[in-house]
Amino acid sequence: MKTTLRVVAVAGALALFGCEDKTGPSSEKLKQSDAYRTAAQAVSLNQDVLEAVGEPVTFGDVALKRDSDDAITLDLSLSGPKGSGHAQMDVSKPTPKQALYMSRGGDFFPDKAGRPIHLRPTAPR
């Protein structure tokens, strides 16, 4: 899966989610983060999104926005053989009782005219 990242974020949000080093936000660390993997997995497993863009899905740029101390929104661009668009996924930081990040849901917006596709919350995998 080809992934190119452009991080647009508050440095504190990246640090909160383990994606910052001493030189500032790191795109490579964000790409490898559990928060990013959780969001990308939730999008790529949605059958309606797969029907809209086709398979295989290729992820492009990602933007990150800090929503609160324990949640972020990732805006992921994606494309496939049938189309493209972007998904906005809300991701929660793990709690003491929860070991992994969790997708709180979001929406996929196709680039072609069409209605947004709601993305349901998913349990950590």
PDB file of N, CA and C in Angstrom:
ATOM      1  N   MET A   1       0.849  -1.175   0.000  1.00  0.00           N
ATOM      2  CA  MET A   1       0.000   0.000   0.000  1.00  0.00           C
ATOM      3  C   MET A   1       0.892   1.235   0.000  1.00  0.00           C
ATOM      4  N   LYS A   2       0.735   2.091  -0.996  1.00  0.00           N
ATOM      5  CA  LYS A   2       1.506   3.332  -1.103  1.00  0.00           C
ATOM      6  C   LYS A   2       0.893   4.371  -0.182  1.00  0.00           C
ATOM      7  N   THR A   3       1.717   5.002   0.624  1.00  0.00           N
ATOM      8  CA  THR A   3       1.218   6.019   1.537  1.00  0.00           C
ATOM      9  C   THR A   3       2.147   7.212   1.523  1.00  0.00           C
ATOM     10  N   THR A   4       1.595   8.389   1.238  1.00  0.00           N
ATOM     11  CA  THR A   4       2.330   9.636   1.299  1.00  0.00           C
ATOM     12  C   THR A   4       1.605  10.509   2.304  1.00  0.00           C
ATOM     13  N   LEU A   5       2.327  11.139   3.192  1.00  0.00           N
ATOM     14  CA  LEU A   5       1.679  11.883   4.267  1.00  0.00           C
ATOM     15  C   LEU A   5       2.075  13.343   4.262  1.00  0.00           C
ATOM     16  N   ARG A   6       1.098  14.187   4.549  1.00  0.00           N
ATOM     17  CA  ARG A   6       1.324  15.604   4.795  1.00  0.00           C
ATOM     18  C   ARG A   6       0.612  15.884   6.108  1.00  0.00           C
ATOM     19  N   VAL A   7       1.355  16.233   7.136  1.00  0.00           N
ATOM     20  CA  VAL A   7       0.774  16.428   8.456  1.00  0.00           C
ATOM     21  C   VAL A   7       0.438  17.899   8.642  1.00  0.00           C
ATOM     22  N   VAL A   8      -0.820  18.175   8.958  1.00  0.00           N
ATOM     23  CA  VAL A   8      -1.274  19.522   9.257  1.00  0.00           C
ATOM     24  C   VAL A   8      -1.861  19.422  10.655  1.00  0.00           C
ATOM     25  N   ALA A   9      -1.089  19.806  11.670  1.00  0.00           N
ATOM     26  CA  ALA A   9      -1.555  19.528  13.025  1.00  0.00           C
ATOM     27  C   ALA A   9      -0.874  20.399  14.054  1.00  0.00           C
ATOM     28  N   VAL A  10      -1.431  20.353  15.213  1.00  0.00           N
ATOM     29  CA  VAL A  10      -0.820  20.938  16.390  1.00  0.00           C
ATOM     30  C   VAL A  10       0.190  19.920  16.908  1.00  0.00           C
ATOM     31  N   ALA A  11       1.399  20.349  17.178  1.00  0.00           N
ATOM     32  CA  ALA A  11       2.441  19.426  17.623  1.00  0.00           C
ATOM     33  C   ALA A  11       2.020  18.660  18.868  1.00  0.00           C
ATOM     34  N   GLY A  12       1.266  19.284  19.734  1.00  0.00           N
ATOM     35  CA  GLY A  12       0.804  18.608  20.952  1.00  0.00           C
ATOM     36  C   GLY A  12      -0.066  17.408  20.657  1.00  0.00           C
ATOM     37  N   ALA A  13      -0.878  17.475  19.619  1.00  0.00           N
ATOM     38  CA  ALA A  13      -1.726  16.340  19.253  1.00  0.00           C
ATOM     39  C   ALA A  13      -0.864  15.179  18.786  1.00  0.00           C
ATOM     40  N   LEU A  14       0.187  15.482  18.042  1.00  0.00           N
ATOM     41  CA  LEU A  14       1.071  14.414  17.599  1.00  0.00           C
ATOM     42  C   LEU A  14       1.795  13.785  18.781  1.00  0.00           C
ATOM     43  N   ALA A  15       2.227  14.607  19.720  1.00  0.00           N
ATOM     44  CA  ALA A  15       2.902  14.070  20.888  1.00  0.00           C
ATOM     45  C   ALA A  15       1.951  13.192  21.692  1.00  0.00           C
ATOM     46  N   LEU A  16       0.706  13.624  21.820  1.00  0.00           N
ATOM     47  CA  LEU A  16      -0.292  12.858  22.552  1.00  0.00           C
ATOM     48  C   LEU A  16      -0.441  11.469  21.963  1.00  0.00           C
ATOM     49  N   PHE A  17      -0.372  11.354  20.655  1.00  0.00           N
ATOM     50  CA  PHE A  17      -0.570  10.078  19.997  1.00  0.00           C
ATOM     51  C   PHE A  17       0.749   9.415  19.613  1.00  0.00           C
ATOM     52  N   GLY A  18       1.838   9.842  20.231  1.00  0.00           N
ATOM     53  CA  GLY A  18       3.123   9.195  20.033  1.00  0.00           C
ATOM     54  C   GLY A  18       3.746   9.428  18.672  1.00  0.00           C
ATOM     55  N   CYS A  19       3.552  10.605  18.104  1.00  0.00           N
ATOM     56  CA  CYS A  19       4.029  10.867  16.746  1.00  0.00           C
ATOM     57  C   CYS A  19       4.921  12.087  16.670  1.00  0.00           C
ATOM     58  N   GLU A  20       5.680  12.357  17.677  1.00  0.00           N
ATOM     59  CA  GLU A  20       6.549  13.527  17.636  1.00  0.00           C
ATOM     60  C   GLU A  20       7.914  13.142  18.173  1.00  0.00           C
ATOM     61  N   ASP A  21       8.948  13.658  17.557  1.00  0.00           N
ATOM     62  CA  ASP A  21      10.292  13.478  18.083  1.00  0.00           C
ATOM     63  C   ASP A  21      10.873  14.851  18.402  1.00  0.00           C
ATOM     64  N   LYS A  22      12.148  14.914  18.733  1.00  0.00           N
ATOM     65  CA  LYS A  22      12.755  16.169  19.168  1.00  0.00           C
ATOM     66  C   LYS A  22      12.795  17.220  18.066  1.00  0.00           C
ATOM     67  N   THR A  23      12.720  16.814  16.808  1.00  0.00           N
ATOM     68  CA  THR A  23      12.781  17.768  15.703  1.00  0.00           C
ATOM     69  C   THR A  23      11.397  18.227  15.261  1.00  0.00           C
ATOM     70  N   GLY A  24      10.335  17.786  15.890  1.00  0.00           N
ATOM     71  CA  GLY A  24       8.975  18.165  15.525  1.00  0.00           C
ATOM     72  C   GLY A  24       8.195  16.983  14.985  1.00  0.00           C
ATOM     73  N   PRO A  25       7.030  17.263  14.433  1.00  0.00           N
ATOM     74  CA  PRO A  25       6.171  16.184  13.936  1.00  0.00           C
ATOM     75  C   PRO A  25       6.874  15.358  12.861  1.00  0.00           C
ATOM     76  N   SER A  26       6.723  14.060  12.944  1.00  0.00           N
ATOM     77  CA  SER A  26       7.338  13.153  11.995  1.00  0.00           C
ATOM     78  C   SER A  26       6.268  12.431  11.186  1.00  0.00           C
ATOM     79  N   SER A  27       6.276  12.631   9.875  1.00  0.00           N
ATOM     80  CA  SER A  27       5.322  11.950   8.999  1.00  0.00           C
ATOM     81  C   SER A  27       5.489  10.440   9.070  1.00  0.00           C
ATOM     82  N   GLU A  28       6.722   9.992   9.144  1.00  0.00           N
ATOM     83  CA  GLU A  28       6.957   8.543   9.210  1.00  0.00           C
ATOM     84  C   GLU A  28       6.387   7.941  10.484  1.00  0.00           C
ATOM     85  N   LYS A  29       6.539   8.645  11.593  1.00  0.00           N
ATOM     86  CA  LYS A  29       5.980   8.128  12.845  1.00  0.00           C
ATOM     87  C   LYS A  29       4.458   8.147  12.809  1.00  0.00           C
ATOM     88  N   LEU A  30       3.872   9.181  12.202  1.00  0.00           N
ATOM     89  CA  LEU A  30       2.421   9.225  12.091  1.00  0.00           C
ATOM     90  C   LEU A  30       1.925   8.062  11.246  1.00  0.00           C
ATOM     91  N   LYS A  31       2.597   7.793  10.143  1.00  0.00           N
ATOM     92  CA  LYS A  31       2.214   6.702   9.256  1.00  0.00           C
ATOM     93  C   LYS A  31       2.274   5.358   9.982  1.00  0.00           C
ATOM     94  N   GLN A  32       3.153   5.223  10.939  1.00  0.00           N
ATOM     95  CA  GLN A  32       3.320   3.977  11.672  1.00  0.00           C
ATOM     96  C   GLN A  32       2.513   3.941  12.967  1.00  0.00           C
ATOM     97  N   SER A  33       1.793   5.012  13.279  1.00  0.00           N
ATOM     98  CA  SER A  33       1.089   5.083  14.556  1.00  0.00           C
ATOM     99  C   SER A  33      -0.161   4.208  14.567  1.00  0.00           C
ATOM    100  N   ASP A  34      -0.525   3.772  15.757  1.00  0.00           N
ATOM    101  CA  ASP A  34      -1.755   2.986  15.931  1.00  0.00           C
ATOM    102  C   ASP A  34      -2.982   3.801  15.548  1.00  0.00           C
ATOM    103  N   ALA A  35      -2.958   5.102  15.816  1.00  0.00           N
ATOM    104  CA  ALA A  35      -4.107   5.955  15.478  1.00  0.00           C
ATOM    105  C   ALA A  35      -4.335   5.959  13.967  1.00  0.00           C
ATOM    106  N   TYR A  36      -3.263   6.109  13.185  1.00  0.00           N
ATOM    107  CA  TYR A  36      -3.378   6.103  11.723  1.00  0.00           C
ATOM    108  C   TYR A  36      -3.830   4.737  11.219  1.00  0.00           C
ATOM    109  N   ARG A  37      -3.214   3.673  11.734  1.00  0.00           N
ATOM    110  CA  ARG A  37      -3.580   2.319  11.297  1.00  0.00           C
ATOM    111  C   ARG A  37      -5.040   2.023  11.621  1.00  0.00           C
ATOM    112  N   THR A  38      -5.517   2.459  12.781  1.00  0.00           N
ATOM    113  CA  THR A  38      -6.912   2.240  13.164  1.00  0.00           C
ATOM    114  C   THR A  38      -7.854   2.934  12.188  1.00  0.00           C
ATOM    115  N   ALA A  39      -7.565   4.186  11.849  1.00  0.00           N
ATOM    116  CA  ALA A  39      -8.418   4.938  10.924  1.00  0.00           C
ATOM    117  C   ALA A  39      -8.380   4.331   9.526  1.00  0.00           C
ATOM    118  N   ALA A  40      -7.203   4.010   9.026  1.00  0.00           N
ATOM    119  CA  ALA A  40      -7.076   3.438   7.683  1.00  0.00           C
ATOM    120  C   ALA A  40      -7.774   2.091   7.593  1.00  0.00           C
ATOM    121  N   GLN A  41      -7.674   1.297   8.636  1.00  0.00           N
ATOM    122  CA  GLN A  41      -8.328  -0.008   8.644  1.00  0.00           C
ATOM    123  C   GLN A  41      -9.848   0.145   8.633  1.00  0.00           C
ATOM    124  N   ALA A  42     -10.370   1.073   9.430  1.00  0.00           N
ATOM    125  CA  ALA A  42     -11.816   1.283   9.471  1.00  0.00           C
ATOM    126  C   ALA A  42     -12.347   1.714   8.103  1.00  0.00           C
ATOM    127  N   VAL A  43     -11.613   2.553   7.405  1.00  0.00           N
ATOM    128  CA  VAL A  43     -12.029   3.018   6.081  1.00  0.00           C
ATOM    129  C   VAL A  43     -11.940   1.879   5.070  1.00  0.00           C
ATOM    130  N   SER A  44     -10.828   1.161   5.074  1.00  0.00           N
ATOM    131  CA  SER A  44     -10.601   0.139   4.051  1.00  0.00           C
ATOM    132  C   SER A  44     -11.462  -1.108   4.235  1.00  0.00           C
ATOM    133  N   LEU A  45     -12.069  -1.283   5.395  1.00  0.00           N
ATOM    134  CA  LEU A  45     -12.961  -2.427   5.622  1.00  0.00           C
ATOM    135  C   LEU A  45     -14.423  -2.099   5.355  1.00  0.00           C
ATOM    136  N   ASN A  46     -14.737  -0.843   5.042  1.00  0.00           N
ATOM    137  CA  ASN A  46     -16.125  -0.445   4.808  1.00  0.00           C
ATOM    138  C   ASN A  46     -16.538  -0.820   3.386  1.00  0.00           C
ATOM    139  N   GLN A  47     -17.539  -1.686   3.264  1.00  0.00           N
ATOM    140  CA  GLN A  47     -17.965  -2.184   1.950  1.00  0.00           C
ATOM    141  C   GLN A  47     -18.479  -1.068   1.038  1.00  0.00           C
ATOM    142  N   ASP A  48     -19.177  -0.078   1.587  1.00  0.00           N
ATOM    143  CA  ASP A  48     -19.685   1.029   0.767  1.00  0.00           C
ATOM    144  C   ASP A  48     -18.545   1.854   0.177  1.00  0.00           C
ATOM    145  N   VAL A  49     -17.492   2.070   0.957  1.00  0.00           N
ATOM    146  CA  VAL A  49     -16.316   2.792   0.452  1.00  0.00           C
ATOM    147  C   VAL A  49     -15.640   1.970  -0.636  1.00  0.00           C
ATOM    148  N   LEU A  50     -15.494   0.661  -0.401  1.00  0.00           N
ATOM    149  CA  LEU A  50     -14.864  -0.205  -1.397  1.00  0.00           C
ATOM    150  C   LEU A  50     -15.650  -0.220  -2.703  1.00  0.00           C
ATOM    151  N   GLU A  51     -16.975  -0.194  -2.624  1.00  0.00           N
ATOM    152  CA  GLU A  51     -17.790  -0.138  -3.833  1.00  0.00           C
ATOM    153  C   GLU A  51     -17.612   1.201  -4.555  1.00  0.00           C
ATOM    154  N   ALA A  52     -17.429   2.279  -3.797  1.00  0.00           N
ATOM    155  CA  ALA A  52     -17.288   3.613  -4.394  1.00  0.00           C
ATOM    156  C   ALA A  52     -15.940   3.810  -5.088  1.00  0.00           C
ATOM    157  N   VAL A  53     -14.857   3.318  -4.482  1.00  0.00           N
ATOM    158  CA  VAL A  53     -13.519   3.562  -5.043  1.00  0.00           C
ATOM    159  C   VAL A  53     -12.910   2.339  -5.705  1.00  0.00           C
ATOM    160  N   GLY A  54     -13.391   1.153  -5.403  1.00  0.00           N
ATOM    161  CA  GLY A  54     -12.821  -0.077  -5.943  1.00  0.00           C
ATOM    162  C   GLY A  54     -11.614  -0.536  -5.138  1.00  0.00           C
ATOM    163  N   GLU A  55     -11.137  -1.712  -5.488  1.00  0.00           N
ATOM    164  CA  GLU A  55      -9.968  -2.280  -4.818  1.00  0.00           C
ATOM    165  C   GLU A  55      -8.863  -2.522  -5.827  1.00  0.00           C
ATOM    166  N   PRO A  56      -7.616  -2.347  -5.433  1.00  0.00           N
ATOM    167  CA  PRO A  56      -7.130  -2.028  -4.096  1.00  0.00           C
ATOM    168  C   PRO A  56      -7.261  -0.537  -3.774  1.00  0.00           C
ATOM    169  N   VAL A  57      -7.365  -0.251  -2.489  1.00  0.00           N
ATOM    170  CA  VAL A  57      -7.432   1.129  -2.015  1.00  0.00           C
ATOM    171  C   VAL A  57      -6.007   1.619  -1.769  1.00  0.00           C
ATOM    172  N   THR A  58      -5.714   2.831  -2.246  1.00  0.00           N
ATOM    173  CA  THR A  58      -4.418   3.455  -2.026  1.00  0.00           C
ATOM    174  C   THR A  58      -4.640   4.716  -1.197  1.00  0.00           C
ATOM    175  N   PHE A  59      -3.937   4.821  -0.073  1.00  0.00           N
ATOM    176  CA  PHE A  59      -4.050   5.997   0.785  1.00  0.00           C
ATOM    177  C   PHE A  59      -3.019   7.033   0.378  1.00  0.00           C
ATOM    178  N   GLY A  60      -3.425   8.301   0.409  1.00  0.00           N
ATOM    179  CA  GLY A  60      -2.530   9.400   0.071  1.00  0.00           C
ATOM    180  C   GLY A  60      -2.260  10.265   1.275  1.00  0.00           C
ATOM    181  N   ASP A  61      -2.504  11.563   1.140  1.00  0.00           N
ATOM    182  CA  ASP A  61      -2.231  12.528   2.205  1.00  0.00           C
ATOM    183  C   ASP A  61      -3.119  12.290   3.416  1.00  0.00           C
ATOM    184  N   VAL A  62      -2.623  12.725   4.560  1.00  0.00           N
ATOM    185  CA  VAL A  62      -3.403  12.689   5.796  1.00  0.00           C
ATOM    186  C   VAL A  62      -3.190  13.993   6.539  1.00  0.00           C
ATOM    187  N   ALA A  63      -4.271  14.525   7.082  1.00  0.00           N
ATOM    188  CA  ALA A  63      -4.195  15.713   7.935  1.00  0.00           C
ATOM    189  C   ALA A  63      -4.730  15.312   9.296  1.00  0.00           C
ATOM    190  N   LEU A  64      -4.165  15.875  10.339  1.00  0.00           N
ATOM    191  CA  LEU A  64      -4.540  15.524  11.700  1.00  0.00           C
ATOM    192  C   LEU A  64      -5.013  16.763  12.441  1.00  0.00           C
ATOM    193  N   LYS A  65      -6.118  16.618  13.163  1.00  0.00           N
ATOM    194  CA  LYS A  65      -6.649  17.710  13.974  1.00  0.00           C
ATOM    195  C   LYS A  65      -6.916  17.187  15.390  1.00  0.00           C
ATOM    196  N   ARG A  66      -6.433  17.902  16.364  1.00  0.00           N
ATOM    197  CA  ARG A  66      -6.662  17.511  17.757  1.00  0.00           C
ATOM    198  C   ARG A  66      -8.043  17.988  18.184  1.00  0.00           C
ATOM    199  N   ASP A  67      -8.880  17.055  18.625  1.00  0.00           N
ATOM    200  CA  ASP A  67     -10.227  17.374  19.083  1.00  0.00           C
ATOM    201  C   ASP A  67     -10.281  17.604  20.587  1.00  0.00           C
ATOM    202  N   SER A  68      -9.523  16.813  21.333  1.00  0.00           N
ATOM    203  CA  SER A  68      -9.479  16.917  22.787  1.00  0.00           C
ATOM    204  C   SER A  68      -8.197  16.243  23.259  1.00  0.00           C
ATOM    205  N   ASP A  69      -8.043  16.122  24.578  1.00  0.00           N
ATOM    206  CA  ASP A  69      -6.838  15.489  25.110  1.00  0.00           C
ATOM    207  C   ASP A  69      -6.739  14.013  24.752  1.00  0.00           C
ATOM    208  N   ASP A  70      -7.869  13.375  24.435  1.00  0.00           N
ATOM    209  CA  ASP A  70      -7.829  11.944  24.155  1.00  0.00           C
ATOM    210  C   ASP A  70      -8.423  11.559  22.803  1.00  0.00           C
ATOM    211  N   ALA A  71      -8.595  12.526  21.907  1.00  0.00           N
ATOM    212  CA  ALA A  71      -9.179  12.216  20.604  1.00  0.00           C
ATOM    213  C   ALA A  71      -8.626  13.122  19.509  1.00  0.00           C
ATOM    214  N   ILE A  72      -8.517  12.551  18.312  1.00  0.00           N
ATOM    215  CA  ILE A  72      -8.095  13.301  17.133  1.00  0.00           C
ATOM    216  C   ILE A  72      -9.019  12.953  15.969  1.00  0.00           C
ATOM    217  N   THR A  73      -9.007  13.808  14.959  1.00  0.00           N
ATOM    218  CA  THR A  73      -9.673  13.511  13.696  1.00  0.00           C
ATOM    219  C   THR A  73      -8.598  13.437  12.626  1.00  0.00           C
ATOM    220  N   LEU A  74      -8.603  12.332  11.888  1.00  0.00           N
ATOM    221  CA  LEU A  74      -7.685  12.162  10.775  1.00  0.00           C
ATOM    222  C   LEU A  74      -8.465  12.335   9.485  1.00  0.00           C
ATOM    223  N   ASP A  75      -7.944  13.124   8.577  1.00  0.00           N
ATOM    224  CA  ASP A  75      -8.541  13.306   7.253  1.00  0.00           C
ATOM    225  C   ASP A  75      -7.621  12.580   6.276  1.00  0.00           C
ATOM    226  N   LEU A  76      -8.096  11.442   5.756  1.00  0.00           N
ATOM    227  CA  LEU A  76      -7.286  10.598   4.886  1.00  0.00           C
ATOM    228  C   LEU A  76      -7.801  10.662   3.454  1.00  0.00           C
ATOM    229  N   SER A  77      -6.923  10.973   2.514  1.00  0.00           N
ATOM    230  CA  SER A  77      -7.312  10.888   1.111  1.00  0.00           C
ATOM    231  C   SER A  77      -7.065   9.456   0.650  1.00  0.00           C
ATOM    232  N   LEU A  78      -7.926   8.972  -0.237  1.00  0.00           N
ATOM    233  CA  LEU A  78      -7.764   7.624  -0.739  1.00  0.00           C
ATOM    234  C   LEU A  78      -8.303   7.526  -2.152  1.00  0.00           C
ATOM    235  N   SER A  79      -7.826   6.533  -2.871  1.00  0.00           N
ATOM    236  CA  SER A  79      -8.285   6.324  -4.235  1.00  0.00           C
ATOM    237  C   SER A  79      -8.242   4.845  -4.557  1.00  0.00           C
ATOM    238  N   GLY A  80      -8.945   4.505  -5.613  1.00  0.00           N
ATOM    239  CA  GLY A  80      -8.988   3.142  -6.129  1.00  0.00           C
ATOM    240  C   GLY A  80      -9.273   3.217  -7.607  1.00  0.00           C
ATOM    241  N   PRO A  81      -9.431   2.077  -8.260  1.00  0.00           N
ATOM    242  CA  PRO A  81      -9.644   2.071  -9.704  1.00  0.00           C
ATOM    243  C   PRO A  81     -10.969   2.699 -10.150  1.00  0.00           C
ATOM    244  N   LYS A  82     -11.952   2.814  -9.253  1.00  0.00           N
ATOM    245  CA  LYS A  82     -13.259   3.348  -9.630  1.00  0.00           C
ATOM    246  C   LYS A  82     -13.488   4.791  -9.185  1.00  0.00           C
ATOM    247  N   GLY A  83     -12.641   5.322  -8.324  1.00  0.00           N
ATOM    248  CA  GLY A  83     -12.854   6.681  -7.848  1.00  0.00           C
ATOM    249  C   GLY A  83     -11.933   7.048  -6.705  1.00  0.00           C
ATOM    250  N   SER A  84     -12.194   8.217  -6.123  1.00  0.00           N
ATOM    251  CA  SER A  84     -11.365   8.713  -5.027  1.00  0.00           C
ATOM    252  C   SER A  84     -12.211   9.583  -4.111  1.00  0.00           C
ATOM    253  N   GLY A  85     -11.617  10.004  -3.009  1.00  0.00           N
ATOM    254  CA  GLY A  85     -12.294  10.855  -2.048  1.00  0.00           C
ATOM    255  C   GLY A  85     -11.449  10.997  -0.806  1.00  0.00           C
ATOM    256  N   HIS A  86     -12.097  11.450   0.258  1.00  0.00           N
ATOM    257  CA  HIS A  86     -11.376  11.544   1.532  1.00  0.00           C
ATOM    258  C   HIS A  86     -12.312  11.144   2.663  1.00  0.00           C
ATOM    259  N   ALA A  87     -11.705  10.606   3.704  1.00  0.00           N
ATOM    260  CA  ALA A  87     -12.459  10.168   4.872  1.00  0.00           C
ATOM    261  C   ALA A  87     -12.007  10.969   6.077  1.00  0.00           C
ATOM    262  N   GLN A  88     -12.960  11.378   6.883  1.00  0.00           N
ATOM    263  CA  GLN A  88     -12.654  12.014   8.159  1.00  0.00           C
ATOM    264  C   GLN A  88     -13.021  11.020   9.246  1.00  0.00           C
ATOM    265  N   MET A  89     -12.009  10.536   9.967  1.00  0.00           N
ATOM    266  CA  MET A  89     -12.205   9.531  11.003  1.00  0.00           C
ATOM    267  C   MET A  89     -11.822  10.088  12.361  1.00  0.00           C
ATOM    268  N   ASP A  90     -12.701   9.905  13.331  1.00  0.00           N
ATOM    269  CA  ASP A  90     -12.424  10.272  14.716  1.00  0.00           C
ATOM    270  C   ASP A  90     -11.808   9.065  15.403  1.00  0.00           C
ATOM    271  N   VAL A  91     -10.674   9.275  16.058  1.00  0.00           N
ATOM    272  CA  VAL A  91      -9.947   8.190  16.720  1.00  0.00           C
ATOM    273  C   VAL A  91      -9.707   8.566  18.176  1.00  0.00           C
ATOM    274  N   SER A  92      -9.983   7.603  19.076  1.00  0.00           N
ATOM    275  CA  SER A  92      -9.797   7.815  20.516  1.00  0.00           C
ATOM    276  C   SER A  92      -8.520   7.157  21.005  1.00  0.00           C
ATOM    277  N   LYS A  93      -7.853   7.837  21.915  1.00  0.00           N
ATOM    278  CA  LYS A  93      -6.674   7.298  22.582  1.00  0.00           C
ATOM    279  C   LYS A  93      -7.111   6.162  23.509  1.00  0.00           C
ATOM    280  N   PRO A  94      -6.284   5.122  23.662  1.00  0.00           N
ATOM    281  CA  PRO A  94      -6.655   4.031  24.563  1.00  0.00           C
ATOM    282  C   PRO A  94      -6.841   4.507  25.997  1.00  0.00           C
ATOM    283  N   THR A  95      -7.763   3.879  26.686  1.00  0.00           N
ATOM    284  CA  THR A  95      -7.977   4.133  28.110  1.00  0.00           C
ATOM    285  C   THR A  95      -7.201   3.080  28.896  1.00  0.00           C
ATOM    286  N   PRO A  96      -7.116   3.207  30.223  1.00  0.00           N
ATOM    287  CA  PRO A  96      -6.420   2.174  30.992  1.00  0.00           C
ATOM    288  C   PRO A  96      -7.030   0.773  30.801  1.00  0.00           C
ATOM    289  N   LYS A  97      -8.337   0.697  30.541  1.00  0.00           N
ATOM    290  CA  LYS A  97      -8.984  -0.598  30.349  1.00  0.00           C
ATOM    291  C   LYS A  97      -8.916  -1.080  28.902  1.00  0.00           C
ATOM    292  N   GLN A  98      -8.502  -0.213  28.003  1.00  0.00           N
ATOM    293  CA  GLN A  98      -8.494  -0.507  26.566  1.00  0.00           C
ATOM    294  C   GLN A  98      -7.058  -0.403  26.075  1.00  0.00           C
ATOM    295  N   ALA A  99      -6.558  -1.447  25.448  1.00  0.00           N
ATOM    296  CA  ALA A  99      -5.158  -1.474  25.035  1.00  0.00           C
ATOM    297  C   ALA A  99      -4.895  -0.772  23.707  1.00  0.00           C
ATOM    298  N   LEU A 100      -5.915  -0.672  22.836  1.00  0.00           N
ATOM    299  CA  LEU A 100      -5.699  -0.154  21.497  1.00  0.00           C
ATOM    300  C   LEU A 100      -6.551   1.071  21.204  1.00  0.00           C
ATOM    301  N   TYR A 101      -6.150   1.813  20.175  1.00  0.00           N
ATOM    302  CA  TYR A 101      -6.942   2.949  19.712  1.00  0.00           C
ATOM    303  C   TYR A 101      -8.262   2.453  19.155  1.00  0.00           C
ATOM    304  N   MET A 102      -9.270   3.328  19.148  1.00  0.00           N
ATOM    305  CA  MET A 102     -10.583   2.945  18.651  1.00  0.00           C
ATOM    306  C   MET A 102     -11.116   4.014  17.710  1.00  0.00           C
ATOM    307  N   SER A 103     -11.669   3.571  16.596  1.00  0.00           N
ATOM    308  CA  SER A 103     -12.329   4.491  15.672  1.00  0.00           C
ATOM    309  C   SER A 103     -13.695   4.829  16.242  1.00  0.00           C
ATOM    310  N   ARG A 104     -13.972   6.132  16.374  1.00  0.00           N
ATOM    311  CA  ARG A 104     -15.281   6.558  16.881  1.00  0.00           C
ATOM    312  C   ARG A 104     -16.247   6.845  15.735  1.00  0.00           C
ATOM    313  N   GLY A 105     -15.831   6.543  14.516  1.00  0.00           N
ATOM    314  CA  GLY A 105     -16.686   6.755  13.350  1.00  0.00           C
ATOM    315  C   GLY A 105     -16.231   7.952  12.555  1.00  0.00           C
ATOM    316  N   GLY A 106     -16.973   8.240  11.501  1.00  0.00           N
ATOM    317  CA  GLY A 106     -16.631   9.356  10.643  1.00  0.00           C
ATOM    318  C   GLY A 106     -17.439   9.310   9.367  1.00  0.00           C
ATOM    319  N   ASP A 107     -16.909   9.927   8.317  1.00  0.00           N
ATOM    320  CA  ASP A 107     -17.594   9.981   7.031  1.00  0.00           C
ATOM    321  C   ASP A 107     -16.588   9.913   5.904  1.00  0.00           C
ATOM    322  N   PHE A 108     -17.021   9.302   4.785  1.00  0.00           N
ATOM    323  CA  PHE A 108     -16.245   9.282   3.546  1.00  0.00           C
ATOM    324  C   PHE A 108     -16.954  10.183   2.549  1.00  0.00           C
ATOM    325  N   PHE A 109     -16.191  11.077   1.934  1.00  0.00           N
ATOM    326  CA  PHE A 109     -16.736  12.027   0.962  1.00  0.00           C
ATOM    327  C   PHE A 109     -16.132  11.726  -0.404  1.00  0.00           C
ATOM    328  N   PRO A 110     -16.931  11.152  -1.330  1.00  0.00           N
ATOM    329  CA  PRO A 110     -16.393  10.856  -2.669  1.00  0.00           C
ATOM    330  C   PRO A 110     -16.105  12.136  -3.436  1.00  0.00           C
ATOM    331  N   ASP A 111     -15.051  12.102  -4.272  1.00  0.00           N
ATOM    332  CA  ASP A 111     -14.717  13.271  -5.083  1.00  0.00           C
ATOM    333  C   ASP A 111     -15.785  13.520  -6.144  1.00  0.00           C
ATOM    334  N   LYS A 112     -16.347  12.455  -6.701  1.00  0.00           N
ATOM    335  CA  LYS A 112     -17.436  12.605  -7.663  1.00  0.00           C
ATOM    336  C   LYS A 112     -18.702  12.953  -6.895  1.00  0.00           C
ATOM    337  N   ALA A 113     -19.669  13.522  -7.597  1.00  0.00           N
ATOM    338  CA  ALA A 113     -20.943  13.844  -6.951  1.00  0.00           C
ATOM    339  C   ALA A 113     -21.509  12.581  -6.323  1.00  0.00           C
ATOM    340  N   GLY A 114     -21.946  12.698  -5.134  1.00  0.00           N
ATOM    341  CA  GLY A 114     -22.505  11.563  -4.412  1.00  0.00           C
ATOM    342  C   GLY A 114     -22.650  11.908  -2.951  1.00  0.00           C
ATOM    343  N   ARG A 115     -23.471  11.140  -2.288  1.00  0.00           N
ATOM    344  CA  ARG A 115     -23.690  11.394  -0.872  1.00  0.00           C
ATOM    345  C   ARG A 115     -22.545  10.837  -0.041  1.00  0.00           C
ATOM    346  N   PRO A 116     -22.251  11.504   1.069  1.00  0.00           N
ATOM    347  CA  PRO A 116     -21.228  10.976   1.972  1.00  0.00           C
ATOM    348  C   PRO A 116     -21.635   9.600   2.496  1.00  0.00           C
ATOM    349  N   ILE A 117     -20.650   8.793   2.800  1.00  0.00           N
ATOM    350  CA  ILE A 117     -20.866   7.466   3.370  1.00  0.00           C
ATOM    351  C   ILE A 117     -20.482   7.526   4.835  1.00  0.00           C
ATOM    352  N   HIS A 118     -21.429   7.185   5.712  1.00  0.00           N
ATOM    353  CA  HIS A 118     -21.148   7.195   7.151  1.00  0.00           C
ATOM    354  C   HIS A 118     -20.270   6.005   7.506  1.00  0.00           C
ATOM    355  N   LEU A 119     -19.237   6.244   8.288  1.00  0.00           N
ATOM    356  CA  LEU A 119     -18.334   5.207   8.748  1.00  0.00           C
ATOM    357  C   LEU A 119     -18.606   4.946  10.229  1.00  0.00           C
ATOM    358  N   ARG A 120     -19.017   3.775  10.543  1.00  0.00           N
ATOM    359  CA  ARG A 120     -19.400   3.428  11.918  1.00  0.00           C
ATOM    360  C   ARG A 120     -18.173   3.238  12.794  1.00  0.00           C
ATOM    361  N   PRO A 121     -18.369   3.415  14.093  1.00  0.00           N
ATOM    362  CA  PRO A 121     -17.270   3.129  15.028  1.00  0.00           C
ATOM    363  C   PRO A 121     -16.852   1.663  14.900  1.00  0.00           C
ATOM    364  N   THR A 122     -15.587   1.406  15.114  1.00  0.00           N
ATOM    365  CA  THR A 122     -15.090   0.037  15.064  1.00  0.00           C
ATOM    366  C   THR A 122     -14.323  -0.275  16.328  1.00  0.00           C
ATOM    367  N   ALA A 123     -14.396  -1.523  16.729  1.00  0.00           N
ATOM    368  CA  ALA A 123     -13.645  -1.993  17.888  1.00  0.00           C
ATOM    369  C   ALA A 123     -12.196  -2.153  17.488  1.00  0.00           C
ATOM    370  N   PRO A 124     -11.289  -1.998  18.423  1.00  0.00           N
ATOM    371  CA  PRO A 124      -9.865  -2.203  18.124  1.00  0.00           C
ATOM    372  C   PRO A 124      -9.608  -3.638  17.670  1.00  0.00           C
ATOM    373  N   ARG A 125      -8.673  -3.801  16.739  1.00  0.00           N
ATOM    374  CA  ARG A 125      -8.295  -5.153  16.260  1.00  0.00           C
ATOM    375  C   ARG A 125      -6.867  -5.438  16.588  1.00  0.00           C
TER     376      ARG A 125
END
